[in-house]
Amino acid sequence: MMVYEIRLEKSFIKRMDNMAKLFNLENAEAQEVREIIVDAIGLLSLGMSLPEDYADHKLEREPWYNYHEFHILDDLLVVYYRIDKKQRIRMVTITNHEELASGKLQN
């Protein structure tokens, strides 16, 4: 089994911390989403696939070409980049479809 080192980008950490405000969630819902994301990172770190309902897939449009994205809620997406050769995964950001399609992340 391949084990991956996980690195958290600043934008990812900031959005984890501000989940409720950024995605208009109740605090309890934001906490639940954070726990789901942490569990998903645990699976990724062990080289495992995410459950099918996460719809984990590679992105094919610039500037996100070859990044991966999975869904937590309908419009709450987690973007990450896997480097198999270095056994490393960079958790890049948490976003929504509109922002992802624009290619520009808001702070």
N, C-alpha and C. Protein backbone atom coordinates (compact mmCIF):
# COMPACT_ATOMS: atom_id res chain seq x y z
N MET A 1 0.85 -1.19 0.00
CA MET A 1 0.00 0.00 0.00
C MET A 1 0.89 1.25 0.00
N MET A 2 0.53 2.20 -0.86
CA MET A 2 1.31 3.43 -0.96
C MET A 2 0.75 4.46 0.02
N VAL A 3 1.62 5.05 0.81
CA VAL A 3 1.20 6.08 1.76
C VAL A 3 1.66 7.43 1.23
N TYR A 4 0.76 8.40 1.26
CA TYR A 4 1.04 9.74 0.74
C TYR A 4 1.25 10.74 1.87
N GLU A 5 2.21 11.62 1.67
CA GLU A 5 2.40 12.76 2.57
C GLU A 5 1.35 13.79 2.17
N ILE A 6 0.68 14.36 3.16
CA ILE A 6 -0.36 15.37 2.89
C ILE A 6 0.20 16.75 3.23
N ARG A 7 0.04 17.67 2.30
CA ARG A 7 0.41 19.06 2.55
C ARG A 7 -0.82 19.93 2.38
N LEU A 8 -1.02 20.85 3.30
CA LEU A 8 -2.17 21.74 3.27
C LEU A 8 -1.73 23.13 2.81
N GLU A 9 -2.31 23.60 1.71
CA GLU A 9 -2.02 24.95 1.22
C GLU A 9 -2.69 25.96 2.15
N LYS A 10 -2.14 27.18 2.17
CA LYS A 10 -2.72 28.23 3.03
C LYS A 10 -4.19 28.48 2.71
N SER A 11 -4.53 28.49 1.42
CA SER A 11 -5.92 28.74 1.03
C SER A 11 -6.85 27.63 1.55
N PHE A 12 -6.36 26.41 1.58
CA PHE A 12 -7.14 25.29 2.09
C PHE A 12 -7.41 25.47 3.59
N ILE A 13 -6.36 25.78 4.33
CA ILE A 13 -6.49 25.97 5.78
C ILE A 13 -7.44 27.12 6.09
N LYS A 14 -7.27 28.22 5.37
CA LYS A 14 -8.11 29.40 5.60
C LYS A 14 -9.58 29.07 5.36
N ARG A 15 -9.85 28.32 4.30
CA ARG A 15 -11.23 27.98 3.99
C ARG A 15 -11.79 26.93 4.95
N MET A 16 -10.96 26.04 5.44
CA MET A 16 -11.42 25.09 6.48
C MET A 16 -11.84 25.88 7.72
N ASP A 17 -11.04 26.89 8.06
CA ASP A 17 -11.31 27.69 9.26
C ASP A 17 -12.56 28.56 9.12
N ASN A 18 -12.85 29.00 7.90
CA ASN A 18 -13.96 29.93 7.66
C ASN A 18 -15.12 29.29 6.90
N MET A 19 -15.26 27.99 7.03
CA MET A 19 -16.24 27.21 6.28
C MET A 19 -17.66 27.77 6.40
N ALA A 20 -18.12 28.04 7.61
CA ALA A 20 -19.51 28.47 7.83
C ALA A 20 -19.79 29.76 7.07
N LYS A 21 -18.92 30.74 7.22
CA LYS A 21 -19.12 32.05 6.59
C LYS A 21 -19.03 31.95 5.06
N LEU A 22 -18.01 31.27 4.56
CA LEU A 22 -17.77 31.21 3.12
C LEU A 22 -18.86 30.47 2.36
N PHE A 23 -19.42 29.44 2.98
CA PHE A 23 -20.39 28.60 2.27
C PHE A 23 -21.79 28.69 2.87
N ASN A 24 -22.01 29.71 3.70
CA ASN A 24 -23.31 29.99 4.27
C ASN A 24 -23.90 28.76 4.97
N LEU A 25 -23.10 28.18 5.87
CA LEU A 25 -23.51 26.98 6.60
C LEU A 25 -23.72 27.32 8.07
N GLU A 26 -24.58 26.57 8.72
CA GLU A 26 -24.69 26.64 10.17
C GLU A 26 -23.40 26.10 10.76
N ASN A 27 -23.04 26.52 11.96
CA ASN A 27 -21.78 26.06 12.57
C ASN A 27 -21.70 24.54 12.68
N ALA A 28 -22.81 23.91 13.06
CA ALA A 28 -22.80 22.45 13.22
C ALA A 28 -22.58 21.77 11.86
N GLU A 29 -23.21 22.31 10.82
CA GLU A 29 -23.03 21.75 9.48
C GLU A 29 -21.60 21.94 9.00
N ALA A 30 -21.04 23.12 9.26
CA ALA A 30 -19.65 23.38 8.88
C ALA A 30 -18.70 22.42 9.59
N GLN A 31 -18.96 22.14 10.87
CA GLN A 31 -18.13 21.20 11.61
C GLN A 31 -18.24 19.80 11.02
N GLU A 32 -19.44 19.41 10.64
CA GLU A 32 -19.64 18.09 10.03
C GLU A 32 -18.88 18.00 8.70
N VAL A 33 -18.95 19.06 7.90
CA VAL A 33 -18.24 19.10 6.62
C VAL A 33 -16.73 18.98 6.86
N ARG A 34 -16.21 19.71 7.86
CA ARG A 34 -14.78 19.63 8.18
C ARG A 34 -14.38 18.20 8.54
N GLU A 35 -15.21 17.52 9.33
CA GLU A 35 -14.91 16.14 9.72
C GLU A 35 -14.91 15.21 8.51
N ILE A 36 -15.85 15.41 7.59
CA ILE A 36 -15.91 14.60 6.37
C ILE A 36 -14.64 14.83 5.54
N ILE A 37 -14.21 16.08 5.43
CA ILE A 37 -13.00 16.39 4.67
C ILE A 37 -11.78 15.74 5.32
N VAL A 38 -11.67 15.83 6.63
CA VAL A 38 -10.53 15.21 7.34
C VAL A 38 -10.53 13.69 7.12
N ASP A 39 -11.71 13.07 7.17
CA ASP A 39 -11.79 11.63 6.91
C ASP A 39 -11.36 11.30 5.48
N ALA A 40 -11.78 12.14 4.53
CA ALA A 40 -11.42 11.93 3.12
C ALA A 40 -9.91 12.05 2.95
N ILE A 41 -9.31 13.03 3.60
CA ILE A 41 -7.85 13.20 3.53
C ILE A 41 -7.16 11.95 4.08
N GLY A 42 -7.71 11.39 5.15
CA GLY A 42 -7.16 10.15 5.71
C GLY A 42 -7.16 9.02 4.70
N LEU A 43 -8.26 8.86 3.96
CA LEU A 43 -8.33 7.83 2.93
C LEU A 43 -7.32 8.09 1.82
N LEU A 44 -7.24 9.35 1.37
CA LEU A 44 -6.30 9.70 0.30
C LEU A 44 -4.86 9.44 0.75
N SER A 45 -4.56 9.74 2.00
CA SER A 45 -3.19 9.58 2.49
C SER A 45 -2.77 8.10 2.48
N LEU A 46 -3.74 7.21 2.54
CA LEU A 46 -3.46 5.77 2.51
C LEU A 46 -3.51 5.22 1.08
N GLY A 47 -3.68 6.12 0.10
CA GLY A 47 -3.74 5.69 -1.29
C GLY A 47 -5.05 5.03 -1.66
N MET A 48 -6.08 5.24 -0.83
CA MET A 48 -7.37 4.61 -1.07
C MET A 48 -8.27 5.52 -1.91
N SER A 49 -9.25 4.91 -2.55
CA SER A 49 -10.24 5.67 -3.30
C SER A 49 -11.28 6.22 -2.34
N LEU A 50 -11.85 7.35 -2.71
CA LEU A 50 -12.94 7.92 -1.91
C LEU A 50 -14.24 7.20 -2.28
N PRO A 51 -15.21 7.21 -1.36
CA PRO A 51 -16.51 6.61 -1.67
C PRO A 51 -17.10 7.24 -2.95
N GLU A 52 -17.88 6.45 -3.67
CA GLU A 52 -18.41 6.88 -4.96
C GLU A 52 -19.20 8.18 -4.89
N ASP A 53 -19.93 8.39 -3.79
CA ASP A 53 -20.77 9.60 -3.71
C ASP A 53 -19.96 10.89 -3.57
N TYR A 54 -18.65 10.80 -3.41
CA TYR A 54 -17.79 11.99 -3.40
C TYR A 54 -17.50 12.46 -4.83
N ALA A 55 -17.78 11.61 -5.82
CA ALA A 55 -17.57 11.95 -7.24
C ALA A 55 -16.16 12.49 -7.49
N ASP A 56 -15.16 11.82 -6.91
CA ASP A 56 -13.76 12.23 -7.07
C ASP A 56 -13.34 12.05 -8.52
N HIS A 57 -12.79 13.10 -9.12
CA HIS A 57 -12.35 12.99 -10.51
C HIS A 57 -11.28 14.04 -10.81
N LYS A 58 -10.55 13.78 -11.91
CA LYS A 58 -9.55 14.73 -12.37
C LYS A 58 -10.23 15.85 -13.13
N LEU A 59 -9.69 17.05 -12.95
CA LEU A 59 -10.20 18.20 -13.70
C LEU A 59 -9.44 18.31 -15.01
N GLU A 60 -10.11 18.78 -16.04
CA GLU A 60 -9.51 18.77 -17.37
C GLU A 60 -9.38 20.13 -18.01
N ARG A 61 -9.82 21.18 -17.31
CA ARG A 61 -9.72 22.53 -17.88
C ARG A 61 -8.65 23.32 -17.14
N GLU A 62 -7.94 24.17 -17.89
CA GLU A 62 -6.99 25.08 -17.26
C GLU A 62 -7.77 26.08 -16.42
N PRO A 63 -7.29 26.58 -15.32
CA PRO A 63 -5.94 26.35 -14.78
C PRO A 63 -5.86 25.12 -13.88
N TRP A 64 -6.90 24.28 -13.90
CA TRP A 64 -6.99 23.16 -12.96
C TRP A 64 -6.64 21.83 -13.59
N TYR A 65 -6.05 21.84 -14.79
CA TYR A 65 -5.74 20.60 -15.49
C TYR A 65 -4.91 19.66 -14.60
N ASN A 66 -5.37 18.42 -14.48
CA ASN A 66 -4.72 17.36 -13.69
C ASN A 66 -4.88 17.50 -12.18
N TYR A 67 -5.56 18.53 -11.71
CA TYR A 67 -5.94 18.58 -10.30
C TYR A 67 -7.11 17.62 -10.12
N HIS A 68 -7.37 17.23 -8.89
CA HIS A 68 -8.53 16.39 -8.58
C HIS A 68 -9.52 17.22 -7.79
N GLU A 69 -10.78 16.80 -7.86
CA GLU A 69 -11.81 17.49 -7.11
C GLU A 69 -12.82 16.46 -6.62
N PHE A 70 -13.30 16.65 -5.38
CA PHE A 70 -14.40 15.81 -4.91
C PHE A 70 -15.44 16.66 -4.22
N HIS A 71 -16.67 16.13 -4.18
CA HIS A 71 -17.81 16.87 -3.65
C HIS A 71 -18.10 16.45 -2.22
N ILE A 72 -18.39 17.45 -1.39
CA ILE A 72 -18.89 17.17 -0.05
C ILE A 72 -20.39 17.46 -0.03
N LEU A 73 -20.76 18.66 -0.41
CA LEU A 73 -22.16 19.02 -0.63
C LEU A 73 -22.31 19.26 -2.13
N ASP A 74 -23.52 19.50 -2.59
CA ASP A 74 -23.72 19.70 -4.04
C ASP A 74 -22.78 20.75 -4.62
N ASP A 75 -22.58 21.84 -3.87
CA ASP A 75 -21.75 22.92 -4.40
C ASP A 75 -20.62 23.28 -3.45
N LEU A 76 -20.06 22.27 -2.81
CA LEU A 76 -18.88 22.47 -1.96
C LEU A 76 -17.85 21.43 -2.42
N LEU A 77 -16.80 21.92 -3.02
CA LEU A 77 -15.81 21.07 -3.68
C LEU A 77 -14.46 21.19 -3.01
N VAL A 78 -13.75 20.09 -2.92
CA VAL A 78 -12.39 20.08 -2.39
C VAL A 78 -11.45 19.78 -3.55
N VAL A 79 -10.46 20.67 -3.74
CA VAL A 79 -9.51 20.52 -4.84
C VAL A 79 -8.16 20.10 -4.26
N TYR A 80 -7.58 19.07 -4.88
CA TYR A 80 -6.27 18.60 -4.43
C TYR A 80 -5.44 18.19 -5.64
N TYR A 81 -4.13 18.05 -5.41
CA TYR A 81 -3.20 17.67 -6.46
C TYR A 81 -2.37 16.50 -5.96
N ARG A 82 -2.40 15.40 -6.70
CA ARG A 82 -1.66 14.20 -6.28
C ARG A 82 -0.40 14.05 -7.14
N ILE A 83 0.74 13.87 -6.47
CA ILE A 83 2.01 13.63 -7.15
C ILE A 83 2.45 12.22 -6.77
N ASP A 84 2.10 11.25 -7.63
CA ASP A 84 2.37 9.85 -7.30
C ASP A 84 3.86 9.57 -7.14
N LYS A 85 4.68 10.17 -8.02
CA LYS A 85 6.12 9.90 -7.98
C LYS A 85 6.73 10.28 -6.63
N LYS A 86 6.22 11.37 -6.04
CA LYS A 86 6.75 11.82 -4.74
C LYS A 86 5.89 11.35 -3.57
N GLN A 87 4.81 10.61 -3.88
CA GLN A 87 3.89 10.15 -2.85
C GLN A 87 3.42 11.31 -1.98
N ARG A 88 2.94 12.35 -2.66
CA ARG A 88 2.51 13.57 -1.95
C ARG A 88 1.17 14.04 -2.50
N ILE A 89 0.33 14.52 -1.62
CA ILE A 89 -0.94 15.12 -2.01
C ILE A 89 -0.99 16.52 -1.41
N ARG A 90 -1.25 17.50 -2.26
CA ARG A 90 -1.44 18.89 -1.82
C ARG A 90 -2.92 19.20 -1.79
N MET A 91 -3.44 19.49 -0.61
CA MET A 91 -4.82 19.93 -0.49
C MET A 91 -4.82 21.42 -0.84
N VAL A 92 -5.45 21.77 -1.95
CA VAL A 92 -5.29 23.10 -2.53
C VAL A 92 -6.32 24.09 -2.02
N THR A 93 -7.60 23.75 -2.14
CA THR A 93 -8.62 24.70 -1.71
C THR A 93 -9.96 24.01 -1.55
N ILE A 94 -10.90 24.75 -1.01
CA ILE A 94 -12.29 24.34 -0.91
C ILE A 94 -13.08 25.43 -1.62
N THR A 95 -13.94 25.06 -2.55
CA THR A 95 -14.55 26.05 -3.41
C THR A 95 -15.95 25.61 -3.84
N ASN A 96 -16.52 26.34 -4.79
CA ASN A 96 -17.81 25.95 -5.38
C ASN A 96 -17.65 25.92 -6.90
N HIS A 97 -18.68 25.46 -7.59
CA HIS A 97 -18.58 25.31 -9.05
C HIS A 97 -18.30 26.62 -9.77
N GLU A 98 -18.99 27.67 -9.34
CA GLU A 98 -18.83 28.97 -10.01
C GLU A 98 -17.39 29.47 -9.90
N GLU A 99 -16.85 29.43 -8.70
CA GLU A 99 -15.48 29.91 -8.49
C GLU A 99 -14.48 29.01 -9.22
N LEU A 100 -14.69 27.71 -9.18
CA LEU A 100 -13.79 26.78 -9.86
C LEU A 100 -13.79 27.06 -11.37
N ALA A 101 -14.97 27.26 -11.94
CA ALA A 101 -15.08 27.52 -13.38
C ALA A 101 -14.40 28.83 -13.77
N SER A 102 -14.41 29.80 -12.85
CA SER A 102 -13.80 31.11 -13.17
C SER A 102 -12.28 31.00 -13.22
N GLY A 103 -11.71 29.98 -12.55
CA GLY A 103 -10.27 29.80 -12.52
C GLY A 103 -9.56 30.72 -11.55
N LYS A 104 -10.33 31.56 -10.85
CA LYS A 104 -9.74 32.51 -9.89
C LYS A 104 -10.32 32.25 -8.53
N LEU A 105 -9.45 32.14 -7.54
CA LEU A 105 -9.90 31.93 -6.17
C LEU A 105 -10.00 33.27 -5.45
N GLN A 106 -11.12 33.47 -4.78
CA GLN A 106 -11.27 34.65 -3.92
C GLN A 106 -10.54 34.36 -2.62
N ASN A 107 -10.15 35.40 -1.90
CA ASN A 107 -9.51 35.17 -0.59
C ASN A 107 -10.54 34.86 0.46
